[in-house]
Amino acid sequence: MYSWEGIAEFVAVAETESFTAASRQLSISTAQVSRQISALEKRLSTKLFYRTTRKVSITEAGGIYYQHCRQLLDGLDEAERVLTQLQNTPKGRLRLTAPTSFGESKIAPVLNDFSLLYPDLEIECLFTNQKIDLVDSGFDLAIRLGKLDDSSMMAKRLASRRLFVCASPTYLSDHGEPHLLAELEQHNCLQGTLQYWRFQENGQEQNIKIRGSLSFNSGPALVDAALKGLGLVQLPDYYVQEHLDSHTLIPLLQNYQPDDEGIWALYPQNRYVSPKVRMLIDYMSTHLAI
């Protein structure tokens, strides 16, 4: 096994022709430089410098060794420069997955803006409501909504979402407004991918089973049904906020509103996160508009 120990000290002395100058260059003591050079000479069984009280000069063997060591240090500097450049300018392929409706409306614009900044990056995004195994499927990243399942994945919270129960003024005029959770049984509750709605009562989470005449696995479809007076709906703010602001949908049961939920970036638990993944996560956490 080859050792780098003493190489930097050797090159510094060879170039400055001084143990003292080399120590200043490396920000270490002169004694440490001397010890490293002596240990290197012992390991190589070769004298690298002639030393006198007034001068340090390199031997013939030391000169040959210096040429190779200088190339090694230059190569190391270049490797670090390339890595730094890679961290600042991500390249290569990046694969991620996101829920369909949220991905199409919120994630896609952010990815497109990120692509404009880093044109050498090849991004592949799969919109699906299925939870894909990132490692087995070769994905770098997943966007997940709401409460996370226990897993070995690392997670970073990108943003928050708030759930609203709401209905159109027409529906409320015809069917009345619910004020208690028990009153949901009397209403047509438009169903999404879950058969229950989430609430909070007296500081405790409550999952209330709902029933209705329509079921969609699409947020925009549920919004359209609610706007047309077909029933009550519970959806995140990014689907209904503009309609709440324009009063085309009316918020209901606000005393039972659950705590805000997370919008998460999940990625495999590695010791080091690749620069392109880290930069995309940081970008999304800053630019994801909810």
Protein backbone atom coordinates (compact mmCIF):
# COMPACT_ATOMS: atom_id res chain seq x y z
CA MET A 1 0.00 0.00 0.00
CA TYR A 2 1.37 3.41 -1.00
CA SER A 3 1.37 6.20 1.54
CA TRP A 4 0.88 9.91 0.93
CA GLU A 5 2.48 10.73 4.26
CA GLY A 6 5.33 13.18 3.85
CA ILE A 7 4.71 13.89 0.14
CA ALA A 8 3.34 17.41 0.62
CA GLU A 9 6.21 18.28 2.97
CA PHE A 10 8.77 16.87 0.52
CA VAL A 11 7.42 18.88 -2.41
CA ALA A 12 7.24 22.06 -0.34
CA VAL A 13 10.88 21.73 0.76
CA ALA A 14 12.01 20.89 -2.78
CA GLU A 15 10.31 24.00 -4.15
CA THR A 16 11.31 26.43 -1.39
CA GLU A 17 14.74 24.91 -0.65
CA SER A 18 14.01 25.59 3.01
CA PHE A 19 12.44 23.64 5.84
CA THR A 20 11.37 26.89 7.48
CA ALA A 21 9.73 28.26 4.32
CA ALA A 22 8.03 24.90 3.73
CA SER A 23 6.61 24.93 7.27
CA ARG A 24 5.16 28.42 6.70
CA GLN A 25 3.65 27.32 3.38
CA LEU A 26 2.00 24.29 4.98
CA SER A 27 1.12 26.04 8.25
CA ILE A 28 2.91 23.41 10.35
CA SER A 29 6.03 23.50 12.49
CA THR A 30 9.53 23.21 11.07
CA ALA A 31 10.13 20.25 13.38
CA GLN A 32 7.12 18.44 11.87
CA VAL A 33 8.42 19.05 8.34
CA SER A 34 11.80 17.67 9.34
CA ARG A 35 10.26 14.58 10.94
CA GLN A 36 8.14 13.86 7.89
CA ILE A 37 11.10 14.19 5.52
CA SER A 38 13.25 11.94 7.70
CA ALA A 39 10.48 9.34 7.87
CA LEU A 40 10.01 9.51 4.09
CA GLU A 41 13.74 9.03 3.47
CA LYS A 42 13.75 6.08 5.84
CA ARG A 43 10.75 4.51 4.13
CA LEU A 44 12.31 4.97 0.68
CA SER A 45 15.82 4.08 1.87
CA THR A 46 16.97 7.08 -0.18
CA LYS A 47 18.51 10.42 0.74
CA LEU A 48 16.32 13.16 -0.74
CA PHE A 49 18.10 16.35 0.44
CA TYR A 50 21.56 17.56 1.29
CA ARG A 51 21.34 19.62 4.49
CA THR A 52 23.81 22.13 5.79
CA THR A 53 23.36 24.90 8.35
CA ARG A 54 22.98 27.42 5.51
CA LYS A 55 21.32 25.55 2.67
CA VAL A 56 19.03 22.73 1.67
CA SER A 57 19.49 21.22 -1.80
CA ILE A 58 17.79 18.27 -3.45
CA THR A 59 19.71 15.10 -4.38
CA GLU A 60 19.60 13.52 -7.84
CA ALA A 61 17.25 10.81 -6.57
CA GLY A 62 15.20 13.48 -4.82
CA GLY A 63 14.89 15.43 -8.09
CA ILE A 64 13.52 12.38 -9.91
CA TYR A 65 11.15 11.66 -7.04
CA TYR A 66 10.04 15.30 -6.99
CA GLN A 67 8.92 15.19 -10.65
CA HIS A 68 6.60 12.27 -9.94
CA CYS A 69 5.33 13.68 -6.65
CA ARG A 70 4.60 17.04 -8.26
CA GLN A 71 2.45 15.28 -10.86
CA LEU A 72 0.63 13.39 -8.12
CA LEU A 73 -0.18 16.58 -6.20
CA ASP A 74 -1.22 18.33 -9.40
CA GLY A 75 -3.52 15.40 -10.14
CA LEU A 76 -5.00 15.61 -6.67
CA ASP A 77 -5.57 19.35 -7.08
CA GLU A 78 -7.26 18.70 -10.43
CA ALA A 79 -9.47 15.99 -8.92
CA GLU A 80 -10.62 18.36 -6.19
CA ARG A 81 -11.20 21.13 -8.76
CA VAL A 82 -13.32 18.83 -10.93
CA LEU A 83 -15.30 17.68 -7.90
CA THR A 84 -15.90 21.27 -6.82
CA GLN A 85 -17.02 22.14 -10.34
CA LEU A 86 -19.32 19.11 -10.37
CA GLN A 87 -20.87 20.26 -7.10
CA ASN A 88 -21.52 23.69 -8.59
CA THR A 89 -22.52 22.45 -12.05
CA PRO A 90 -24.37 19.14 -11.80
CA LYS A 91 -24.13 16.82 -14.76
CA GLY A 92 -25.35 13.38 -15.72
CA ARG A 93 -28.68 11.68 -15.17
CA LEU A 94 -31.08 12.35 -12.31
CA ARG A 95 -34.23 10.23 -11.86
CA LEU A 96 -37.10 11.13 -9.56
CA THR A 97 -40.75 10.32 -9.03
CA ALA A 98 -43.68 12.40 -7.75
CA PRO A 99 -47.45 12.06 -7.28
CA THR A 100 -49.29 12.64 -10.53
CA SER A 101 -51.45 15.72 -10.01
CA PHE A 102 -49.08 17.45 -7.60
CA GLY A 103 -46.13 16.58 -9.81
CA GLU A 104 -47.74 17.94 -12.95
CA SER A 105 -48.86 21.20 -11.36
CA LYS A 106 -46.06 21.95 -8.87
CA ILE A 107 -42.98 19.80 -9.40
CA ALA A 108 -42.74 20.01 -13.22
CA PRO A 109 -42.36 23.83 -13.34
CA VAL A 110 -39.59 23.71 -10.73
CA LEU A 111 -37.77 20.95 -12.63
CA ASN A 112 -38.03 22.91 -15.86
CA ASP A 113 -36.55 26.00 -14.20
CA PHE A 114 -33.77 23.88 -12.68
CA SER A 115 -33.02 22.42 -16.14
CA LEU A 116 -32.60 25.92 -17.55
CA LEU A 117 -29.94 26.60 -14.92
CA TYR A 118 -28.10 23.30 -15.51
CA PRO A 119 -28.52 22.23 -19.16
CA ASP A 120 -25.90 19.46 -18.82
CA LEU A 121 -28.16 17.63 -16.36
CA GLU A 122 -30.48 14.96 -17.79
CA ILE A 123 -33.65 14.79 -15.68
CA GLU A 124 -36.16 11.95 -15.88
CA CYS A 125 -39.32 12.34 -13.79
CA LEU A 126 -42.06 9.72 -13.44
CA PHE A 127 -45.45 10.95 -12.23
CA THR A 128 -47.28 8.16 -10.46
CA ASN A 129 -49.37 7.70 -7.32
CA GLN A 130 -47.70 4.36 -6.66
CA LYS A 131 -44.94 4.29 -4.06
CA ILE A 132 -41.89 3.10 -5.95
CA ASP A 133 -38.91 1.39 -4.31
CA LEU A 134 -36.17 3.91 -5.09
CA VAL A 135 -33.23 1.55 -4.75
CA ASP A 136 -34.68 -1.37 -6.72
CA SER A 137 -36.00 0.93 -9.46
CA GLY A 138 -32.88 3.07 -9.74
CA PHE A 139 -34.43 6.39 -8.67
CA ASP A 140 -32.40 9.09 -6.94
CA LEU A 141 -35.29 10.90 -5.32
CA ALA A 142 -39.02 10.75 -4.58
CA ILE A 143 -41.50 13.46 -3.67
CA ARG A 144 -43.98 12.29 -1.03
CA LEU A 145 -46.96 14.08 0.52
CA GLY A 146 -48.40 13.98 4.03
CA LYS A 147 -47.38 11.65 6.81
CA LEU A 148 -44.43 9.43 5.94
CA ASP A 149 -44.31 5.69 6.46
CA ASP A 150 -41.43 4.37 8.54
CA SER A 151 -38.58 3.51 6.20
CA SER A 152 -34.83 3.54 5.83
CA MET A 153 -35.04 6.53 3.49
CA MET A 154 -33.67 9.95 4.37
CA ALA A 155 -36.25 12.75 4.23
CA LYS A 156 -36.11 16.53 3.91
CA ARG A 157 -39.21 18.66 4.34
CA LEU A 158 -39.57 20.91 1.31
CA ALA A 159 -42.80 22.71 2.19
CA SER A 160 -46.09 22.29 4.03
CA ARG A 161 -49.67 21.78 2.92
CA ARG A 162 -52.94 22.48 4.70
CA LEU A 163 -56.07 20.41 4.21
CA PHE A 164 -59.42 22.16 3.70
CA VAL A 165 -62.94 20.80 3.71
CA CYS A 166 -64.99 22.99 1.42
CA ALA A 167 -68.05 23.15 -0.81
CA SER A 168 -69.63 25.52 -3.30
CA PRO A 169 -72.19 28.12 -2.19
CA THR A 170 -74.75 26.31 -4.36
CA TYR A 171 -74.26 23.01 -2.52
CA LEU A 172 -74.45 24.70 0.88
CA SER A 173 -77.59 26.57 -0.12
CA ASP A 174 -79.26 23.30 -1.09
CA HIS A 175 -77.95 21.02 1.69
CA GLY A 176 -76.87 23.25 4.56
CA GLU A 177 -73.48 23.62 6.24
CA PRO A 178 -72.03 20.97 8.58
CA HIS A 179 -70.77 22.27 11.93
CA LEU A 180 -69.86 18.98 13.63
CA LEU A 181 -67.89 16.00 12.37
CA ALA A 182 -70.87 13.72 12.98
CA GLU A 183 -72.88 15.78 10.48
CA LEU A 184 -70.67 14.60 7.61
CA GLU A 185 -72.86 11.50 7.45
CA GLN A 186 -75.66 13.71 6.14
CA HIS A 187 -73.60 15.03 3.22
CA ASN A 188 -72.28 13.80 -0.11
CA CYS A 189 -68.52 13.64 0.53
CA LEU A 190 -66.52 13.47 -2.69
CA GLN A 191 -63.91 10.77 -2.28
CA GLY A 192 -60.26 10.78 -3.33
CA THR A 193 -57.75 7.98 -2.96
CA LEU A 194 -58.60 7.53 0.75
CA GLN A 195 -61.92 6.43 2.24
CA TYR A 196 -61.55 8.77 5.20
CA TRP A 197 -60.88 12.44 5.90
CA ARG A 198 -58.38 13.74 8.45
CA PHE A 199 -59.30 16.09 11.28
CA GLN A 200 -58.12 17.18 14.71
CA GLU A 201 -60.44 17.29 17.71
CA ASN A 202 -59.35 18.26 21.23
CA GLY A 203 -55.73 17.91 20.18
CA GLN A 204 -56.23 14.37 18.87
CA GLU A 205 -56.09 13.22 15.26
CA GLN A 206 -59.38 11.92 13.96
CA ASN A 207 -59.90 9.89 10.79
CA ILE A 208 -63.56 10.06 9.74
CA LYS A 209 -64.85 7.54 7.23
CA ILE A 210 -66.80 9.30 4.49
CA ARG A 211 -69.30 8.29 1.81
CA GLY A 212 -70.28 9.89 -1.45
CA SER A 213 -71.54 9.37 -4.97
CA LEU A 214 -68.29 10.27 -6.72
CA SER A 215 -64.71 9.06 -6.37
CA PHE A 216 -61.65 10.35 -8.24
CA ASN A 217 -57.94 9.74 -7.86
CA SER A 218 -57.41 13.27 -9.20
CA GLY A 219 -57.37 16.54 -7.28
CA PRO A 220 -58.46 18.69 -10.24
CA ALA A 221 -61.39 16.33 -10.91
CA LEU A 222 -62.53 16.63 -7.29
CA VAL A 223 -62.23 20.43 -7.43
CA ASP A 224 -64.36 20.50 -10.57
CA ALA A 225 -67.02 18.33 -8.91
CA ALA A 226 -67.08 20.55 -5.83
CA LEU A 227 -67.33 23.74 -7.92
CA LYS A 228 -70.34 22.23 -9.70
CA GLY A 229 -72.10 21.70 -6.39
CA LEU A 230 -71.87 17.92 -6.32
CA GLY A 231 -70.66 17.62 -2.74
CA LEU A 232 -68.11 18.41 -0.04
CA VAL A 233 -64.44 17.82 -0.65
CA GLN A 234 -61.26 17.68 1.46
CA LEU A 235 -58.18 18.74 -0.49
CA PRO A 236 -54.79 20.41 0.10
CA ASP A 237 -54.50 24.17 -0.24
CA TYR A 238 -52.69 24.09 -3.58
CA TYR A 239 -55.86 22.70 -5.20
CA VAL A 240 -58.44 24.96 -3.59
CA GLN A 241 -56.76 28.16 -2.36
CA GLU A 242 -57.63 30.27 -5.42
CA HIS A 243 -61.27 29.16 -5.14
CA LEU A 244 -61.35 29.94 -1.43
CA ASP A 245 -59.94 33.39 -2.18
CA SER A 246 -62.61 33.99 -4.84
CA HIS A 247 -65.35 32.49 -2.61
CA THR A 248 -66.35 29.99 -5.27
CA LEU A 249 -65.59 27.41 -2.57
CA ILE A 250 -66.37 27.98 1.13
CA PRO A 251 -64.16 26.51 3.91
CA LEU A 252 -65.98 24.30 6.42
CA LEU A 253 -65.31 22.68 9.81
CA GLN A 254 -62.31 24.94 10.41
CA ASN A 255 -62.40 24.21 14.16
CA TYR A 256 -61.43 20.64 13.26
CA GLN A 257 -58.68 21.49 10.78
CA PRO A 258 -55.70 19.11 11.11
CA ASP A 259 -52.13 20.27 11.54
CA ASP A 260 -50.23 21.17 8.41
CA GLU A 261 -48.67 18.18 6.64
CA GLY A 262 -45.25 17.90 5.07
CA ILE A 263 -44.18 17.81 1.44
CA TRP A 264 -41.05 15.68 1.46
CA ALA A 265 -38.05 14.78 -0.63
CA LEU A 266 -37.02 11.17 0.05
CA TYR A 267 -33.70 9.69 -1.01
CA PRO A 268 -31.71 6.53 -0.21
CA GLN A 269 -29.71 6.58 3.00
CA ASN A 270 -26.15 6.92 1.76
CA ARG A 271 -23.17 8.32 3.57
CA TYR A 272 -22.82 11.00 0.90
CA VAL A 273 -25.66 12.58 -1.09
CA SER A 274 -24.60 13.21 -4.68
CA PRO A 275 -24.18 16.93 -5.50
CA LYS A 276 -26.90 16.89 -8.19
CA VAL A 277 -29.47 15.41 -5.76
CA ARG A 278 -28.48 17.79 -2.98
CA MET A 279 -28.67 20.81 -5.28
CA LEU A 280 -32.10 19.83 -6.62
CA ILE A 281 -33.46 19.30 -3.10
CA ASP A 282 -32.11 22.70 -2.01
CA TYR A 283 -33.56 24.32 -5.12
CA MET A 284 -37.00 22.79 -4.60
CA SER A 285 -37.07 23.77 -0.93
CA THR A 286 -36.50 27.39 -1.99
CA HIS A 287 -38.61 27.57 -5.17
CA LEU A 288 -41.52 25.17 -4.58
CA ALA A 289 -44.54 27.45 -4.65
CA ILE A 290 -47.43 26.06 -2.60
